Amino acid sequence: MKKLVEEGKVKYLGLSEASASDIRRAHSVHPITAVQLEWSLWARDVEEDVIPTCRELGIGIVAYSPLGRGFFSGKQIEEFAKGDVRKIAMPRFLPENLERNKVFYEQLCALGEKKKATPGQLALAWVHHQGLDVAPIPGTTKIKNLEENIGAVGIKLSKEEVKEVEDAVPIDKVAGDRYGDMSNTWRYASTPPLSSWQKA
């Protein structure tokens, strides 16, 4: 990838679902501009060392699924379409876990009433308040959802309110993993060292 930048074919390099050590290794070869990772009220393990590493190295953070794959915008209440990946590969959406996790949505509903915001807007505003180096990328297929997401930008949260929102979704109480198979996520997958695949 570094050669592609040098040839003018690529302008910037980014990584997705990368561990802190992989980010450091890549950054030592060529500056990394951004790291894409799942970051939301119920996906916060990246705060341990991935986020601090990005900030230490001046790397931008692109937070995907900031609405918890639609959970915080109310998608957990709707019937998912046949073949929806959330029903198949995401344990948090299995019926037994979903029933336990719904309490977090309800707690955000109550907080949202005070701020005149939807639970989704509050969850998205929380991500916005994590820093100017964070760009959340909520997915949407409907104009009304896009408008709701845009509304989250105007929500101002004090430090106390940020904590209140975090406390509404205690990470150690969330039922189920992000994926059924976590082996390809940053915590368990790592780029093999160059020496392991380079020809002798």
N, C-alpha and C. Protein backbone atom coordinates (compact mmCIF):
# COMPACT_ATOMS: atom_id res chain seq x y z
N MET A 1 0.83 -1.20 0.00
CA MET A 1 0.00 0.00 0.00
C MET A 1 0.87 1.25 0.00
N LYS A 2 1.98 1.20 0.70
CA LYS A 2 2.90 2.34 0.71
C LYS A 2 3.39 2.63 -0.71
N LYS A 3 3.68 1.59 -1.47
CA LYS A 3 4.13 1.77 -2.85
C LYS A 3 3.05 2.42 -3.70
N LEU A 4 1.79 2.06 -3.45
CA LEU A 4 0.69 2.66 -4.20
C LEU A 4 0.58 4.17 -3.92
N VAL A 5 0.86 4.56 -2.68
CA VAL A 5 0.87 5.99 -2.34
C VAL A 5 2.02 6.67 -3.09
N GLU A 6 3.17 6.05 -3.05
CA GLU A 6 4.35 6.62 -3.72
C GLU A 6 4.13 6.75 -5.22
N GLU A 7 3.36 5.83 -5.80
CA GLU A 7 3.05 5.88 -7.23
C GLU A 7 1.90 6.83 -7.55
N GLY A 8 1.32 7.43 -6.53
CA GLY A 8 0.23 8.37 -6.74
C GLY A 8 -1.12 7.73 -7.01
N LYS A 9 -1.23 6.42 -6.80
CA LYS A 9 -2.48 5.72 -7.06
C LYS A 9 -3.42 5.75 -5.85
N VAL A 10 -2.86 5.99 -4.69
CA VAL A 10 -3.62 6.06 -3.44
C VAL A 10 -3.15 7.30 -2.70
N LYS A 11 -4.07 8.04 -2.09
CA LYS A 11 -3.67 9.25 -1.39
C LYS A 11 -3.42 9.02 0.09
N TYR A 12 -4.34 8.28 0.74
CA TYR A 12 -4.22 8.05 2.18
C TYR A 12 -4.43 6.57 2.48
N LEU A 13 -3.89 6.13 3.61
CA LEU A 13 -4.07 4.75 4.05
C LEU A 13 -4.88 4.70 5.34
N GLY A 14 -5.76 3.73 5.42
CA GLY A 14 -6.54 3.52 6.63
C GLY A 14 -6.61 2.04 6.95
N LEU A 15 -7.01 1.73 8.16
CA LEU A 15 -7.16 0.35 8.61
C LEU A 15 -8.56 0.17 9.18
N SER A 16 -9.01 -1.08 9.23
CA SER A 16 -10.29 -1.39 9.84
C SER A 16 -10.13 -2.56 10.79
N GLU A 17 -10.78 -2.48 11.96
CA GLU A 17 -10.72 -3.55 12.97
C GLU A 17 -9.27 -3.96 13.25
N ALA A 18 -8.42 -2.98 13.48
CA ALA A 18 -7.00 -3.25 13.73
C ALA A 18 -6.68 -3.10 15.21
N SER A 19 -5.81 -3.95 15.70
CA SER A 19 -5.38 -3.86 17.10
C SER A 19 -4.38 -2.73 17.25
N ALA A 20 -4.11 -2.36 18.48
CA ALA A 20 -3.14 -1.29 18.75
C ALA A 20 -1.77 -1.66 18.20
N SER A 21 -1.37 -2.92 18.35
CA SER A 21 -0.04 -3.32 17.87
C SER A 21 0.02 -3.29 16.34
N ASP A 22 -1.06 -3.72 15.67
CA ASP A 22 -1.07 -3.66 14.21
C ASP A 22 -1.08 -2.22 13.71
N ILE A 23 -1.78 -1.34 14.42
CA ILE A 23 -1.78 0.08 14.05
C ILE A 23 -0.37 0.64 14.15
N ARG A 24 0.32 0.33 15.21
CA ARG A 24 1.71 0.81 15.39
C ARG A 24 2.62 0.27 14.30
N ARG A 25 2.48 -1.02 14.00
CA ARG A 25 3.33 -1.63 12.96
C ARG A 25 3.09 -0.97 11.61
N ALA A 26 1.81 -0.79 11.25
CA ALA A 26 1.49 -0.18 9.96
C ALA A 26 1.95 1.27 9.90
N HIS A 27 1.73 1.99 10.99
CA HIS A 27 2.09 3.41 11.03
C HIS A 27 3.59 3.63 10.92
N SER A 28 4.37 2.64 11.38
CA SER A 28 5.83 2.76 11.27
C SER A 28 6.32 2.58 9.84
N VAL A 29 5.49 1.93 8.99
CA VAL A 29 5.84 1.73 7.59
C VAL A 29 5.38 2.93 6.76
N HIS A 30 4.15 3.38 7.02
CA HIS A 30 3.59 4.55 6.33
C HIS A 30 2.52 5.15 7.22
N PRO A 31 2.46 6.49 7.31
CA PRO A 31 1.45 7.11 8.18
C PRO A 31 0.02 6.64 7.86
N ILE A 32 -0.67 6.23 8.89
CA ILE A 32 -2.07 5.82 8.76
C ILE A 32 -2.93 7.05 9.05
N THR A 33 -3.87 7.32 8.16
CA THR A 33 -4.73 8.50 8.30
C THR A 33 -5.92 8.25 9.20
N ALA A 34 -6.53 7.06 9.06
CA ALA A 34 -7.74 6.78 9.84
C ALA A 34 -7.84 5.30 10.16
N VAL A 35 -8.48 5.01 11.28
CA VAL A 35 -8.79 3.64 11.66
C VAL A 35 -10.29 3.54 11.85
N GLN A 36 -10.89 2.58 11.15
CA GLN A 36 -12.32 2.34 11.25
C GLN A 36 -12.55 1.23 12.27
N LEU A 37 -13.46 1.47 13.20
CA LEU A 37 -13.73 0.49 14.24
C LEU A 37 -15.15 0.65 14.74
N GLU A 38 -15.67 -0.42 15.31
CA GLU A 38 -17.02 -0.33 15.86
C GLU A 38 -16.93 0.36 17.22
N TRP A 39 -17.67 1.45 17.36
CA TRP A 39 -17.66 2.20 18.62
C TRP A 39 -19.05 2.76 18.85
N SER A 40 -19.66 2.32 19.92
CA SER A 40 -20.99 2.79 20.30
C SER A 40 -21.14 2.59 21.79
N LEU A 41 -22.30 2.92 22.31
CA LEU A 41 -22.55 2.75 23.73
C LEU A 41 -22.39 1.30 24.18
N TRP A 42 -22.59 0.33 23.28
CA TRP A 42 -22.44 -1.05 23.71
C TRP A 42 -21.27 -1.76 23.02
N ALA A 43 -20.39 -1.02 22.38
CA ALA A 43 -19.15 -1.56 21.81
C ALA A 43 -18.03 -0.61 22.20
N ARG A 44 -17.47 -0.82 23.40
CA ARG A 44 -16.54 0.15 23.96
C ARG A 44 -15.17 -0.43 24.30
N ASP A 45 -14.93 -1.69 23.93
CA ASP A 45 -13.64 -2.30 24.27
C ASP A 45 -12.46 -1.61 23.58
N VAL A 46 -12.74 -0.90 22.48
CA VAL A 46 -11.67 -0.18 21.78
C VAL A 46 -11.09 0.96 22.63
N GLU A 47 -11.81 1.35 23.67
CA GLU A 47 -11.34 2.46 24.51
C GLU A 47 -10.12 2.07 25.35
N GLU A 48 -9.90 0.75 25.51
CA GLU A 48 -8.79 0.29 26.35
C GLU A 48 -7.43 0.69 25.78
N ASP A 49 -7.16 0.31 24.52
CA ASP A 49 -5.86 0.65 23.96
C ASP A 49 -5.89 1.10 22.49
N VAL A 50 -6.93 0.74 21.74
CA VAL A 50 -6.99 1.12 20.33
C VAL A 50 -7.17 2.64 20.18
N ILE A 51 -8.16 3.19 20.89
CA ILE A 51 -8.42 4.64 20.81
C ILE A 51 -7.20 5.43 21.32
N PRO A 52 -6.64 5.09 22.49
CA PRO A 52 -5.46 5.83 22.95
C PRO A 52 -4.29 5.76 21.97
N THR A 53 -4.11 4.61 21.30
CA THR A 53 -3.03 4.48 20.32
C THR A 53 -3.27 5.41 19.14
N CYS A 54 -4.49 5.42 18.64
CA CYS A 54 -4.83 6.32 17.52
C CYS A 54 -4.55 7.77 17.91
N ARG A 55 -4.93 8.15 19.11
CA ARG A 55 -4.74 9.53 19.54
C ARG A 55 -3.27 9.87 19.75
N GLU A 56 -2.53 8.93 20.27
CA GLU A 56 -1.09 9.14 20.45
C GLU A 56 -0.40 9.38 19.10
N LEU A 57 -0.84 8.65 18.07
CA LEU A 57 -0.21 8.74 16.75
C LEU A 57 -0.87 9.77 15.83
N GLY A 58 -1.93 10.43 16.31
CA GLY A 58 -2.60 11.45 15.50
C GLY A 58 -3.43 10.86 14.37
N ILE A 59 -4.02 9.70 14.60
CA ILE A 59 -4.81 9.01 13.59
C ILE A 59 -6.30 9.26 13.84
N GLY A 60 -7.02 9.60 12.80
CA GLY A 60 -8.45 9.83 12.92
C GLY A 60 -9.21 8.53 13.18
N ILE A 61 -10.37 8.64 13.81
CA ILE A 61 -11.17 7.48 14.20
C ILE A 61 -12.51 7.54 13.48
N VAL A 62 -12.81 6.49 12.71
CA VAL A 62 -14.08 6.39 12.01
C VAL A 62 -14.91 5.34 12.73
N ALA A 63 -15.94 5.79 13.44
CA ALA A 63 -16.75 4.89 14.27
C ALA A 63 -17.92 4.34 13.45
N TYR A 64 -17.82 3.04 13.12
CA TYR A 64 -18.96 2.44 12.41
C TYR A 64 -19.93 1.82 13.41
N SER A 65 -21.15 1.64 12.97
CA SER A 65 -22.26 1.14 13.81
C SER A 65 -22.39 1.94 15.12
N PRO A 66 -22.38 3.28 15.04
CA PRO A 66 -22.50 4.07 16.27
C PRO A 66 -23.88 3.95 16.93
N LEU A 67 -24.84 3.39 16.20
CA LEU A 67 -26.18 3.18 16.75
C LEU A 67 -26.38 1.71 17.17
N GLY A 68 -25.27 1.01 17.36
CA GLY A 68 -25.39 -0.38 17.79
C GLY A 68 -26.14 -1.23 16.79
N ARG A 69 -25.80 -1.04 15.49
CA ARG A 69 -26.44 -1.77 14.40
C ARG A 69 -27.95 -1.57 14.39
N GLY A 70 -28.34 -0.34 14.74
CA GLY A 70 -29.75 0.03 14.73
C GLY A 70 -30.46 -0.18 16.05
N PHE A 71 -29.80 -0.86 16.99
CA PHE A 71 -30.44 -1.15 18.28
C PHE A 71 -30.92 0.12 18.97
N PHE A 72 -30.07 1.14 19.03
CA PHE A 72 -30.41 2.36 19.76
C PHE A 72 -31.38 3.27 19.01
N SER A 73 -31.65 2.94 17.76
CA SER A 73 -32.67 3.71 17.03
C SER A 73 -33.99 2.96 16.99
N GLY A 74 -34.09 1.88 17.76
CA GLY A 74 -35.35 1.17 17.90
C GLY A 74 -35.51 -0.05 17.03
N LYS A 75 -34.47 -0.44 16.30
CA LYS A 75 -34.59 -1.58 15.39
C LYS A 75 -34.80 -2.90 16.12
N GLN A 76 -34.46 -2.95 17.40
CA GLN A 76 -34.63 -4.20 18.12
C GLN A 76 -36.10 -4.57 18.31
N ILE A 77 -36.98 -3.63 18.13
CA ILE A 77 -38.39 -3.88 18.36
C ILE A 77 -39.06 -4.42 17.08
N GLU A 78 -38.50 -4.07 15.95
CA GLU A 78 -39.09 -4.47 14.68
C GLU A 78 -38.71 -5.91 14.32
N GLU A 79 -39.51 -6.52 13.50
CA GLU A 79 -39.20 -7.86 12.99
C GLU A 79 -38.15 -7.71 11.89
N PHE A 80 -37.02 -8.38 12.05
CA PHE A 80 -35.97 -8.30 11.03
C PHE A 80 -36.38 -9.09 9.79
N ALA A 81 -35.91 -8.63 8.66
CA ALA A 81 -36.20 -9.33 7.41
C ALA A 81 -35.50 -10.68 7.40
N LYS A 82 -36.03 -11.58 6.61
CA LYS A 82 -35.41 -12.91 6.48
C LYS A 82 -33.98 -12.73 5.97
N GLY A 83 -33.04 -13.40 6.62
CA GLY A 83 -31.65 -13.31 6.20
C GLY A 83 -30.89 -12.14 6.79
N ASP A 84 -31.55 -11.31 7.59
CA ASP A 84 -30.86 -10.18 8.23
C ASP A 84 -29.70 -10.72 9.06
N VAL A 85 -28.51 -10.17 8.81
CA VAL A 85 -27.29 -10.68 9.46
C VAL A 85 -27.35 -10.56 10.98
N ARG A 86 -28.13 -9.62 11.48
CA ARG A 86 -28.23 -9.47 12.94
C ARG A 86 -28.87 -10.71 13.57
N LYS A 87 -29.81 -11.33 12.87
CA LYS A 87 -30.47 -12.53 13.38
C LYS A 87 -29.57 -13.75 13.29
N ILE A 88 -28.60 -13.68 12.38
CA ILE A 88 -27.78 -14.85 12.08
C ILE A 88 -26.43 -14.83 12.80
N ALA A 89 -25.76 -13.69 12.78
CA ALA A 89 -24.36 -13.66 13.23
C ALA A 89 -24.07 -12.72 14.40
N MET A 90 -25.10 -12.11 14.96
CA MET A 90 -24.87 -11.15 16.04
C MET A 90 -25.66 -11.54 17.29
N PRO A 91 -24.97 -12.18 18.24
CA PRO A 91 -25.65 -12.72 19.42
C PRO A 91 -26.46 -11.71 20.23
N ARG A 92 -26.12 -10.43 20.17
CA ARG A 92 -26.88 -9.44 20.94
C ARG A 92 -28.33 -9.34 20.49
N PHE A 93 -28.59 -9.80 19.26
CA PHE A 93 -29.95 -9.72 18.72
C PHE A 93 -30.71 -11.03 18.81
N LEU A 94 -30.09 -12.05 19.41
CA LEU A 94 -30.82 -13.30 19.63
C LEU A 94 -31.91 -13.03 20.67
N PRO A 95 -33.06 -13.69 20.56
CA PRO A 95 -34.20 -13.37 21.44
C PRO A 95 -33.87 -13.31 22.92
N GLU A 96 -33.10 -14.29 23.42
CA GLU A 96 -32.80 -14.31 24.86
C GLU A 96 -31.93 -13.13 25.29
N ASN A 97 -30.99 -12.71 24.41
CA ASN A 97 -30.14 -11.56 24.73
C ASN A 97 -30.87 -10.25 24.49
N LEU A 98 -31.64 -10.20 23.43
CA LEU A 98 -32.39 -8.99 23.09
C LEU A 98 -33.33 -8.60 24.21
N GLU A 99 -33.95 -9.59 24.80
CA GLU A 99 -34.88 -9.32 25.90
C GLU A 99 -34.15 -8.65 27.07
N ARG A 100 -32.94 -9.10 27.35
CA ARG A 100 -32.15 -8.51 28.44
C ARG A 100 -31.60 -7.13 28.06
N ASN A 101 -31.27 -6.96 26.78
CA ASN A 101 -30.66 -5.70 26.34
C ASN A 101 -31.67 -4.58 26.15
N LYS A 102 -32.95 -4.91 26.00
CA LYS A 102 -33.97 -3.88 25.77
C LYS A 102 -34.02 -2.84 26.88
N VAL A 103 -33.62 -3.24 28.07
CA VAL A 103 -33.64 -2.29 29.19
C VAL A 103 -32.76 -1.06 28.90
N PHE A 104 -31.67 -1.26 28.16
CA PHE A 104 -30.77 -0.14 27.85
C PHE A 104 -31.45 0.86 26.91
N TYR A 105 -32.19 0.31 25.95
CA TYR A 105 -32.95 1.17 25.04
C TYR A 105 -33.99 1.97 25.82
N GLU A 106 -34.66 1.31 26.74
CA GLU A 106 -35.69 1.98 27.55
C GLU A 106 -35.08 3.08 28.42
N GLN A 107 -33.88 2.82 28.94
CA GLN A 107 -33.21 3.84 29.76
C GLN A 107 -32.80 5.04 28.91
N LEU A 108 -32.40 4.80 27.67
CA LEU A 108 -32.08 5.92 26.77
C LEU A 108 -33.34 6.68 26.39
N CYS A 109 -34.46 5.98 26.25
CA CYS A 109 -35.74 6.65 25.97
C CYS A 109 -36.04 7.66 27.07
N ALA A 110 -35.86 7.23 28.33
CA ALA A 110 -36.15 8.11 29.47
C ALA A 110 -35.21 9.31 29.48
N LEU A 111 -33.94 9.09 29.20
CA LEU A 111 -32.98 10.22 29.16
C LEU A 111 -33.29 11.14 27.98
N GLY A 112 -33.68 10.55 26.86
CA GLY A 112 -33.99 11.33 25.67
C GLY A 112 -35.16 12.28 25.87
N GLU A 113 -36.11 11.88 26.68
CA GLU A 113 -37.25 12.75 26.96
C GLU A 113 -36.80 14.05 27.61
N LYS A 114 -35.81 13.96 28.49
CA LYS A 114 -35.29 15.17 29.16
C LYS A 114 -34.60 16.10 28.17
N LYS A 115 -33.92 15.51 27.17
CA LYS A 115 -33.17 16.31 26.19
C LYS A 115 -33.98 16.59 24.93
N LYS A 116 -35.25 16.12 24.91
CA LYS A 116 -36.08 16.24 23.69
C LYS A 116 -35.37 15.62 22.49
N ALA A 117 -34.85 14.42 22.72
CA ALA A 117 -34.11 13.70 21.69
C ALA A 117 -34.57 12.25 21.66
N THR A 118 -34.45 11.61 20.52
CA THR A 118 -34.76 10.18 20.43
C THR A 118 -33.59 9.40 21.04
N PRO A 119 -33.81 8.14 21.39
CA PRO A 119 -32.70 7.32 21.91
C PRO A 119 -31.54 7.24 20.91
N GLY A 120 -31.88 7.12 19.62
CA GLY A 120 -30.84 7.07 18.59
C GLY A 120 -30.03 8.35 18.53
N GLN A 121 -30.71 9.48 18.62
CA GLN A 121 -29.99 10.76 18.61
C GLN A 121 -29.07 10.89 19.82
N LEU A 122 -29.54 10.42 20.96
CA LEU A 122 -28.73 10.48 22.17
C LEU A 122 -27.50 9.58 22.04
N ALA A 123 -27.69 8.38 21.51
CA ALA A 123 -26.56 7.45 21.31
C ALA A 123 -25.55 8.02 20.32
N LEU A 124 -26.05 8.65 19.27
CA LEU A 124 -25.17 9.24 18.26
C LEU A 124 -24.47 10.48 18.81
N ALA A 125 -25.20 11.28 19.58
CA ALA A 125 -24.59 12.46 20.21
C ALA A 125 -23.47 12.05 21.15
N TRP A 126 -23.64 10.92 21.85
CA TRP A 126 -22.60 10.42 22.74
C TRP A 126 -21.31 10.16 21.96
N VAL A 127 -21.44 9.54 20.78
CA VAL A 127 -20.25 9.28 19.95
C VAL A 127 -19.64 10.60 19.49
N HIS A 128 -20.47 11.56 19.08
CA HIS A 128 -19.97 12.87 18.66
C HIS A 128 -19.17 13.54 19.78
N HIS A 129 -19.56 13.31 21.01
CA HIS A 129 -18.90 13.95 22.14
C HIS A 129 -17.61 13.26 22.57
N GLN A 130 -17.20 12.22 21.85
CA GLN A 130 -15.96 11.52 22.20
C GLN A 130 -14.72 12.25 21.71
N GLY A 131 -14.88 13.24 20.84
CA GLY A 131 -13.73 14.03 20.39
C GLY A 131 -13.86 14.47 18.96
N LEU A 132 -13.11 15.52 18.62
CA LEU A 132 -13.14 16.05 17.26
C LEU A 132 -12.43 15.14 16.27
N ASP A 133 -11.68 14.16 16.78
CA ASP A 133 -10.99 13.22 15.91
C ASP A 133 -11.86 12.01 15.56
N VAL A 134 -13.13 12.04 15.97
CA VAL A 134 -14.04 10.91 15.75
C VAL A 134 -15.10 11.29 14.71
N ALA A 135 -15.24 10.45 13.68
CA ALA A 135 -16.28 10.65 12.66
C ALA A 135 -17.19 9.43 12.66
N PRO A 136 -18.37 9.53 13.29
CA PRO A 136 -19.29 8.39 13.26
C PRO A 136 -19.94 8.24 11.89
N ILE A 137 -20.16 7.01 11.48
CA ILE A 137 -20.79 6.77 10.17
C ILE A 137 -22.01 5.84 10.35
N PRO A 138 -23.13 6.42 10.79
CA PRO A 138 -24.34 5.60 10.92
C PRO A 138 -24.89 5.24 9.55
N GLY A 139 -25.28 4.00 9.40
CA GLY A 139 -25.89 3.59 8.13
C GLY A 139 -27.37 3.93 8.13
N THR A 140 -27.88 4.30 6.99
CA THR A 140 -29.32 4.57 6.89
C THR A 140 -29.79 4.34 5.47
N THR A 141 -31.03 3.88 5.36
CA THR A 141 -31.62 3.67 4.03
C THR A 141 -32.88 4.52 3.84
N LYS A 142 -33.26 5.26 4.89
CA LYS A 142 -34.48 6.06 4.81
C LYS A 142 -34.18 7.53 5.12
N ILE A 143 -34.84 8.43 4.41
CA ILE A 143 -34.64 9.87 4.59
C ILE A 143 -34.97 10.28 6.02
N LYS A 144 -36.05 9.76 6.59
CA LYS A 144 -36.42 10.15 7.95
C LYS A 144 -35.33 9.77 8.96
N ASN A 145 -34.66 8.64 8.74
CA ASN A 145 -33.56 8.24 9.63
C ASN A 145 -32.36 9.15 9.44
N LEU A 146 -32.11 9.53 8.19
CA LEU A 146 -31.01 10.46 7.91
C LEU A 146 -31.26 11.79 8.63
N GLU A 147 -32.48 12.28 8.55
CA GLU A 147 -32.82 13.55 9.20
C GLU A 147 -32.68 13.44 10.72
N GLU A 148 -33.07 12.29 11.27
CA GLU A 148 -32.93 12.07 12.71
C GLU A 148 -31.45 12.06 13.10
N ASN A 149 -30.64 11.38 12.29
CA ASN A 149 -29.20 11.34 12.56
C ASN A 149 -28.57 12.72 12.51
N ILE A 150 -28.98 13.52 11.54
CA ILE A 150 -28.45 14.88 11.41
C ILE A 150 -28.82 15.69 12.65
N GLY A 151 -30.02 15.45 13.18
CA GLY A 151 -30.46 16.15 14.38
C GLY A 151 -29.58 15.90 15.59
N ALA A 152 -28.88 14.77 15.60
CA ALA A 152 -28.00 14.44 16.73
C ALA A 152 -26.81 15.39 16.83
N VAL A 153 -26.42 15.98 15.70
CA VAL A 153 -25.26 16.88 15.69
C VAL A 153 -25.49 18.10 16.58
N GLY A 154 -26.74 18.55 16.67
CA GLY A 154 -27.05 19.74 17.46
C GLY A 154 -27.26 19.48 18.95
N ILE A 155 -27.19 18.23 19.37
CA ILE A 155 -27.41 17.91 20.78
C ILE A 155 -26.13 18.13 21.57
N LYS A 156 -26.20 18.99 22.54
CA LYS A 156 -25.04 19.29 23.39
C LYS A 156 -25.20 18.54 24.71
N LEU A 157 -24.16 17.84 25.10
CA LEU A 157 -24.17 17.10 26.35
C LEU A 157 -23.07 17.62 27.27
N SER A 158 -23.40 17.87 28.51
CA SER A 158 -22.38 18.23 29.50
C SER A 158 -21.60 16.97 29.86
N LYS A 159 -20.49 17.13 30.58
CA LYS A 159 -19.73 15.96 31.02
C LYS A 159 -20.59 15.04 31.87
N GLU A 160 -21.42 15.65 32.69
CA GLU A 160 -22.32 14.87 33.55
C GLU A 160 -23.33 14.09 32.71
N GLU A 161 -23.84 14.73 31.65
CA GLU A 161 -24.81 14.06 30.79
C GLU A 161 -24.17 12.95 29.97
N VAL A 162 -22.93 13.16 29.53
CA VAL A 162 -22.21 12.10 28.81
C VAL A 162 -22.10 10.87 29.70
N LYS A 163 -21.74 11.09 30.96
CA LYS A 163 -21.62 9.98 31.91
C LYS A 163 -22.98 9.33 32.17
N GLU A 164 -24.01 10.15 32.23
CA GLU A 164 -25.35 9.63 32.46
C GLU A 164 -25.78 8.71 31.32
N VAL A 165 -25.46 9.11 30.10
CA VAL A 165 -25.78 8.30 28.92
C VAL A 165 -24.97 6.99 28.97
N GLU A 166 -23.68 7.09 29.29
CA GLU A 166 -22.84 5.89 29.41
C GLU A 166 -23.39 4.93 30.47
N ASP A 167 -23.79 5.50 31.61
CA ASP A 167 -24.29 4.68 32.71
C ASP A 167 -25.61 3.98 32.37
N ALA A 168 -26.33 4.52 31.39
CA ALA A 168 -27.60 3.91 30.97
C ALA A 168 -27.35 2.60 30.22
N VAL A 169 -26.12 2.43 29.72
CA VAL A 169 -25.76 1.21 28.99
C VAL A 169 -24.47 0.66 29.61
N PRO A 170 -24.56 0.07 30.81
CA PRO A 170 -23.35 -0.46 31.45
C PRO A 170 -22.79 -1.62 30.63
N ILE A 171 -21.60 -1.44 30.11
CA ILE A 171 -21.02 -2.37 29.14
C ILE A 171 -20.89 -3.79 29.69
N ASP A 172 -20.67 -3.92 30.97
CA ASP A 172 -20.52 -5.26 31.56
C ASP A 172 -21.85 -5.99 31.72
N LYS A 173 -22.95 -5.30 31.44
CA LYS A 173 -24.28 -5.92 31.56
C LYS A 173 -24.87 -6.27 30.19
N VAL A 174 -24.21 -5.88 29.10
CA VAL A 174 -24.72 -6.16 27.76
C VAL A 174 -24.65 -7.66 27.51
N ALA A 175 -25.76 -8.23 27.06
CA ALA A 175 -25.83 -9.67 26.81
C ALA A 175 -25.45 -9.99 25.37
N GLY A 176 -24.46 -10.86 25.19
CA GLY A 176 -24.04 -11.30 23.86
C GLY A 176 -22.86 -10.53 23.31
N ASP A 177 -22.08 -11.20 22.46
CA ASP A 177 -20.93 -10.57 21.79
C ASP A 177 -21.39 -9.78 20.57
N ARG A 178 -20.46 -8.99 20.02
CA ARG A 178 -20.75 -8.24 18.79
C ARG A 178 -21.04 -9.20 17.64
N TYR A 179 -20.22 -10.25 17.53
CA TYR A 179 -20.37 -11.25 16.47
C TYR A 179 -20.38 -12.63 17.10
N GLY A 180 -20.98 -13.59 16.41
CA GLY A 180 -20.93 -14.97 16.86
C GLY A 180 -19.51 -15.51 16.78
N ASP A 181 -18.80 -15.08 15.73
CA ASP A 181 -17.39 -15.46 15.56
C ASP A 181 -16.55 -14.20 15.69
N MET A 182 -15.92 -14.06 16.84
CA MET A 182 -15.12 -12.86 17.12
C MET A 182 -13.68 -12.99 16.62
N SER A 183 -13.33 -14.11 15.97
CA SER A 183 -11.93 -14.37 15.60
C SER A 183 -11.39 -13.38 14.57
N ASN A 184 -12.26 -12.73 13.80
CA ASN A 184 -11.79 -11.78 12.79
C ASN A 184 -11.82 -10.33 13.25
N THR A 185 -12.10 -10.12 14.52
CA THR A 185 -12.12 -8.75 15.05
C THR A 185 -10.73 -8.37 15.54
N TRP A 186 -10.54 -7.09 15.81
CA TRP A 186 -9.21 -6.57 16.17
C TRP A 186 -8.61 -7.26 17.39
N ARG A 187 -9.44 -7.72 18.30
CA ARG A 187 -8.91 -8.32 19.52
C ARG A 187 -8.25 -9.67 19.29
N TYR A 188 -8.72 -10.40 18.27
CA TYR A 188 -8.22 -11.77 18.05
C TYR A 188 -7.46 -11.96 16.74
N ALA A 189 -7.65 -11.07 15.80
CA ALA A 189 -6.96 -11.21 14.51
C ALA A 189 -5.77 -10.26 14.47
N SER A 190 -4.69 -10.72 13.90
CA SER A 190 -3.50 -9.88 13.79
C SER A 190 -2.82 -10.16 12.47
N THR A 191 -2.25 -9.13 11.87
CA THR A 191 -1.52 -9.30 10.63
C THR A 191 -0.24 -10.08 10.92
N PRO A 192 0.00 -11.16 10.17
CA PRO A 192 1.23 -11.92 10.42
C PRO A 192 2.46 -11.07 10.16
N PRO A 193 3.53 -11.28 10.91
CA PRO A 193 4.74 -10.52 10.64
C PRO A 193 5.27 -10.81 9.23
N LEU A 194 5.88 -9.83 8.64
CA LEU A 194 6.40 -9.94 7.27
C LEU A 194 7.28 -11.18 7.11
N SER A 195 8.09 -11.47 8.11
CA SER A 195 9.03 -12.59 8.03
C SER A 195 8.30 -13.94 7.87
N SER A 196 7.03 -14.01 8.28
CA SER A 196 6.32 -15.29 8.22
C SER A 196 5.79 -15.61 6.82
N TRP A 197 5.68 -14.62 5.94
CA TRP A 197 5.17 -14.91 4.61
C TRP A 197 6.10 -14.47 3.48
N GLN A 198 7.19 -13.81 3.83
CA GLN A 198 8.15 -13.38 2.82
C GLN A 198 8.93 -14.60 2.31
N LYS A 199 9.18 -14.61 1.03
CA LYS A 199 9.96 -15.71 0.46
C LYS A 199 11.39 -15.65 0.97
N ALA A 200 11.96 -16.81 1.20
CA ALA A 200 13.33 -16.86 1.71
C ALA A 200 14.31 -16.46 0.62
